[in-house]
Each structure stands twice: as C-alpha cells, then as structure tokens.
Protein backbone atom coordinates (compact mmCIF):
# COMPACT_ATOMS: atom_id res chain seq x y z
CA UNK A 1 143.81 94.96 70.09
CA UNK A 2 140.36 95.80 71.40
CA UNK A 3 138.47 92.96 71.35
CA UNK A 4 134.58 92.61 70.18
CA UNK A 5 132.32 89.91 70.19
CA UNK A 6 128.96 90.52 67.91
CA UNK A 7 125.98 88.81 68.28
CA UNK A 8 122.93 88.79 66.08
CA UNK A 9 119.40 87.90 68.46
CA UNK A 10 116.60 86.15 67.07
CA UNK A 11 117.11 82.45 67.04
CA UNK A 12 120.59 83.09 67.73
CA UNK A 13 120.53 84.09 70.89
CA UNK A 14 116.64 83.46 71.38
CA UNK A 15 114.89 80.51 70.52
CA UNK A 16 112.34 82.12 68.69
CA UNK A 17 111.91 85.76 66.58
CA UNK A 18 111.29 88.62 68.77
CA UNK A 19 109.31 91.19 66.33
CA UNK A 20 106.01 89.22 66.01
CA UNK A 21 105.78 88.07 70.08
CA UNK A 22 106.44 91.85 70.85
CA UNK A 23 103.61 92.89 68.80
CA UNK A 24 101.22 90.49 70.17
CA UNK A 25 102.28 91.23 73.52
CA UNK A 26 101.95 95.05 73.21
CA UNK A 27 98.55 94.14 71.58
CA UNK A 28 97.17 92.04 74.42
CA UNK A 29 97.93 95.37 76.92
CA UNK A 30 97.54 98.10 75.24
CA UNK A 31 94.81 98.00 72.43
CA UNK A 32 93.19 94.00 72.33
CA UNK A 33 90.83 95.94 69.79
CA UNK A 34 93.49 95.99 66.99
CA UNK A 35 93.21 92.13 66.67
CA UNK A 36 90.23 92.97 64.61
CA UNK A 37 93.37 94.07 62.05
CA UNK A 38 95.09 90.59 61.92
CA UNK A 39 93.35 90.09 58.66
CA UNK A 40 95.07 92.95 56.98
CA UNK A 41 98.29 91.88 58.84
CA UNK A 42 97.77 88.39 56.97
CA UNK A 43 97.44 90.30 53.97
CA UNK A 44 100.62 92.43 54.63
CA UNK A 45 102.48 89.23 55.11
CA UNK A 46 101.41 87.74 51.77
CA UNK A 47 102.54 91.12 50.09
CA UNK A 48 106.04 90.39 51.77
CA UNK A 49 105.78 86.55 50.55
CA UNK A 50 105.46 87.71 46.86
CA UNK A 51 108.00 90.23 47.41
CA UNK A 52 106.00 93.22 46.37
CA UNK A 53 107.27 94.92 50.12
CA UNK A 54 110.57 94.76 51.59
CA UNK A 55 111.20 93.53 55.01
CA UNK A 56 111.46 97.03 56.54
CA UNK A 57 107.86 97.77 54.57
CA UNK A 58 106.74 94.96 56.06
CA UNK A 59 107.48 95.80 60.02
CA UNK A 60 106.39 99.04 59.65
CA UNK A 61 102.91 98.46 58.19
CA UNK A 62 102.65 95.78 60.75
CA UNK A 63 103.48 98.14 64.00
CA UNK A 64 101.28 100.58 62.53
CA UNK A 65 98.24 97.77 62.58
CA UNK A 66 98.98 96.72 66.26
CA UNK A 67 100.81 99.13 67.85
CA UNK A 68 99.62 102.43 66.32
CA UNK A 69 101.40 104.83 64.22
CA UNK A 70 102.82 106.65 67.26
CA UNK A 71 103.58 105.58 70.83
CA UNK A 72 104.03 107.72 73.69
CA UNK A 73 107.44 106.88 75.60
CA UNK A 74 105.29 106.54 79.11
CA UNK A 75 103.19 104.14 77.39
CA UNK A 76 105.90 102.29 76.19
CA UNK A 77 108.25 101.66 78.61
CA UNK A 78 105.77 99.18 80.23
CA UNK A 79 105.34 97.10 77.23
CA UNK A 80 109.19 97.13 76.50
CA UNK A 81 109.78 96.39 80.35
CA UNK A 82 107.16 93.44 80.46
CA UNK A 83 108.19 91.81 77.20
CA UNK A 84 112.27 91.91 77.66
CA UNK A 85 111.63 90.41 81.69
CA UNK A 86 109.31 87.70 79.39
CA UNK A 87 112.05 87.12 76.95
CA UNK A 88 114.73 86.67 79.15
CA UNK A 89 113.02 84.00 81.21
CA UNK A 90 111.50 81.82 78.70
CA UNK A 91 113.38 82.35 75.16
CA UNK A 92 116.82 82.49 75.69
CA UNK A 93 119.15 79.44 74.56
CA UNK A 94 121.03 78.52 77.66
CA UNK A 95 124.06 77.92 75.16
CA UNK A 96 123.93 81.70 74.31
CA UNK A 97 123.85 82.62 78.08
CA UNK A 98 127.19 80.29 78.55
CA UNK A 99 129.08 81.95 75.53
CA UNK A 100 128.04 85.65 76.58
CA UNK A 101 129.53 85.01 80.11
CA UNK A 102 132.62 83.45 78.58
CA UNK A 103 133.23 86.37 76.41
CA UNK A 104 132.75 88.81 79.02
CA UNK A 105 135.15 87.20 81.10
CA UNK A 106 137.54 87.10 78.54
CA UNK A 107 137.49 90.97 78.49
CA UNK A 108 135.52 91.17 75.20
CA UNK A 109 133.15 94.17 74.63
CA UNK A 110 129.76 92.68 74.09
CA UNK A 111 127.82 93.86 70.82
CA UNK A 112 124.29 92.99 69.84
CA UNK A 113 123.44 93.50 66.36
CA UNK A 114 120.06 92.68 65.41
CA UNK A 115 117.55 93.45 62.84
CA UNK A 116 114.77 93.72 65.56
CA UNK A 117 113.94 97.40 66.87
CA UNK A 118 116.09 99.08 69.42
CA UNK A 119 112.99 100.08 71.25
CA UNK A 120 112.77 96.51 72.44
CA UNK A 121 116.01 95.03 71.83
CA UNK A 122 118.08 97.60 73.61
CA UNK A 123 116.45 96.42 77.17
CA UNK A 124 116.86 92.81 76.26
CA UNK A 125 120.45 93.08 75.61
CA UNK A 126 120.92 95.24 78.69
CA UNK A 127 119.48 92.33 80.83
CA UNK A 128 121.68 90.21 79.06
CA UNK A 129 124.90 92.31 80.01
CA UNK A 130 125.71 93.90 76.38
CA UNK A 131 127.57 96.93 76.31
CA UNK A 132 126.34 98.27 73.01
CA UNK A 133 123.40 97.57 70.95
CA UNK A 134 123.33 98.21 67.15
CA UNK A 135 119.50 97.93 65.70
CA UNK A 136 116.46 98.92 63.64
CA UNK A 137 115.79 102.42 64.70
CA UNK A 138 112.48 104.18 65.20
CA UNK A 139 111.87 107.39 63.83
CA UNK A 140 111.38 110.01 66.88
CA UNK A 141 108.85 112.70 66.83
CA UNK A 142 109.53 116.20 68.23
CA UNK A 143 106.77 115.57 70.46
CA UNK A 144 108.83 112.27 71.57
CA UNK A 145 106.71 109.60 70.38
CA UNK A 146 107.85 106.70 68.87
CA UNK A 147 106.98 106.32 65.09
CA UNK A 148 106.27 103.20 63.68
CA UNK A 149 108.46 104.58 60.77
CA UNK A 150 111.94 102.97 60.48
CA UNK A 151 114.70 105.31 60.87
CA UNK A 152 117.58 104.48 58.76
CA UNK A 153 118.12 101.14 57.39
CA UNK A 154 116.53 97.90 58.53
CA UNK A 155 119.58 96.31 60.41
CA UNK A 156 119.55 93.47 58.05
CA UNK A 157 121.56 91.68 55.80
CA UNK A 158 124.13 94.22 54.03
CA UNK A 159 122.62 96.81 55.88
CA UNK A 160 123.81 95.24 59.46
CA UNK A 161 127.43 95.43 58.61
CA UNK A 162 127.09 99.30 57.48
CA UNK A 163 125.24 99.95 60.49
CA UNK A 164 128.39 98.20 62.65
CA UNK A 165 130.98 99.93 60.59
CA UNK A 166 128.57 103.30 61.23
CA UNK A 167 128.77 102.39 64.89
CA UNK A 168 132.42 101.65 65.06
CA UNK A 169 133.30 105.32 63.34
CA UNK A 170 131.17 107.07 65.88
CA UNK A 171 132.96 104.84 68.75
CA UNK A 172 136.44 105.68 67.45
CA UNK A 173 137.02 102.29 66.32
CA UNK A 174 139.31 101.47 63.52
CA UNK A 175 138.99 97.92 61.67
CA UNK A 176 143.09 97.53 62.26
CA UNK A 177 142.62 98.16 66.04
CA UNK A 178 139.63 95.60 66.81
CA UNK A 179 139.40 91.78 66.58
CA UNK A 180 136.16 90.78 66.09
CA UNK A 181 134.28 87.34 66.85
CA UNK A 182 130.57 87.46 65.05
CA UNK A 183 127.84 85.01 66.01
CA UNK A 184 124.49 84.42 63.99
CA UNK A 185 122.10 81.84 62.71
CA UNK A 186 121.37 83.20 59.33
CA UNK A 187 123.12 83.21 56.05
CA UNK A 188 121.71 87.05 55.46
CA UNK A 189 124.42 87.61 57.50
CA UNK A 190 126.84 86.94 55.27
CA UNK A 191 128.69 90.17 54.81
CA UNK A 192 129.50 90.62 58.49
CA UNK A 193 130.74 86.79 58.96
CA UNK A 194 133.19 87.45 56.17
CA UNK A 195 134.37 90.70 57.30
CA UNK A 196 135.10 89.44 60.82
CA UNK A 197 138.06 87.93 62.34
CA UNK A 198 136.16 84.73 63.79
CA UNK A 199 132.76 83.81 62.37
CA UNK A 200 130.35 81.22 64.24
CA UNK A 201 127.46 79.99 62.56
CA UNK A 202 124.87 79.17 65.27
CA UNK A 203 121.71 77.03 65.33
CA UNK A 204 122.35 77.61 61.24
CA UNK A 205 120.06 76.65 59.11
CA UNK A 206 120.81 74.65 55.77
CA UNK A 207 121.91 77.55 53.77
CA UNK A 208 124.10 79.09 56.45
CA UNK A 209 125.62 75.39 57.59
CA UNK A 210 126.55 74.60 53.82
CA UNK A 211 128.10 78.22 53.62
CA UNK A 212 129.76 77.95 56.94
CA UNK A 213 131.43 74.00 55.92
CA UNK A 214 132.87 75.81 53.07
CA UNK A 215 134.20 78.69 54.70
CA UNK A 216 135.68 76.79 57.59
CA UNK A 217 133.87 78.90 59.94
CA UNK A 218 132.86 76.65 63.29
CA UNK A 219 129.43 75.63 63.88
CA UNK A 220 127.90 75.72 67.08
CA UNK A 221 124.50 74.30 68.33
CA UNK A 222 123.01 76.47 71.47
CA UNK A 223 119.38 74.40 71.42
C-alpha cells in the first residue's frame, strides 16, 4: 500500500493566501508602474463578488493587469525564487512544518494540491520537501513565455479532486493501491475530504469546522 499525504497550501500550510502577495511582490520588482491598474483590479474583484466572473477568470485578469499578458521564464525565475524564499521565511505555520516532517518520516509521499499557480507553488513546495505538485497551470506559448491564461482547470473545489485523480492516473496509481491523508482549511475541498481515507480539517473556518464535526474528521489548528 502506497501512503499519500496530500496538503492544500493557502491558509493550511501558509498563514495567509499567496496569490495576491505573489502579484504584489512581482509588481514591485518587475513593473511598479502597473500600480496604475489597481482601480481595475478592484473592479474585477467586485465583478467576482457579484458572481459576474468565476474565480479562474478573476485570476487571469488580475495577472494580466499586474504581471502582464506574457512573461519570459528568464524574467519569471528570479521573481518565483525570491517570493518562495520570502514565503518560507515569513508565511508558514510551524505546525504545518511539523506535520510535513512527520508524514515524511513515516514514508508517505508528500503531494501539494493547491489552487495557487504552479508557476510559484512548485518552488514553495520544493523548499518544503514535497515530492509532487498539483496546482493551477499556466498556458505556455510556443515561445516558452508564460501566459496569464490558465491551462486546464483552476485547481479549486471539485476540480482539485479531478486533478488529483488525473495525477494519480498519470503516475500509474490506482485508488485501491493507495492510502490517502488529506489536509485542508476550507470546505470547498469537501470532495477531496470525502474521497480521502483520513481527512483533517486544518485551521478550519466555521463551515468546515461544522462539516468536520458532522463527518467525524479530526480538527487541527496549526496557527
């Protein structure tokens, strides 16, 4: 039996969400003049709050506004490295590090499954010792530039479970061959919680805390 420990990232491992801070970090270092687009970002956020656009489109538009429609790997690499180092240093729950270490010591394969963009989540995951990364992918052009356009699904809600299953299929892992531990802070991950063998509600908000009590899932606090 293969043991998997699958972790959400934002507000599960990290204290705060990472997508907005990544854009702000990149904005300051790459093109500070794009701060002029902040009113447009606020309008886009309002459109999302009013359910005029979905979460994936929100992310695509905001990245276009603050980072650009395309960015070369050479320009992206130092931004990713710097942001990942900053995140590891300032935005990780000590309790998460302890559990990651315990799972690794127990021989579990560590998988990060996050709605954050793989373009920076992969480096954060690497620094934290994860073996595999499942995250929202960016469309890569023929010129190798990274696009603001999402490639496939935004790794959120039911899509996260679909992407986990697709990853397992690509790795040749069958469900009856694995034992899955799943950690997340948010009720949007209910499909993955219900699918897993051991579900842990971590730093849970009220909705997830209520769901966890109903389902009998352990509630952990790494804050």
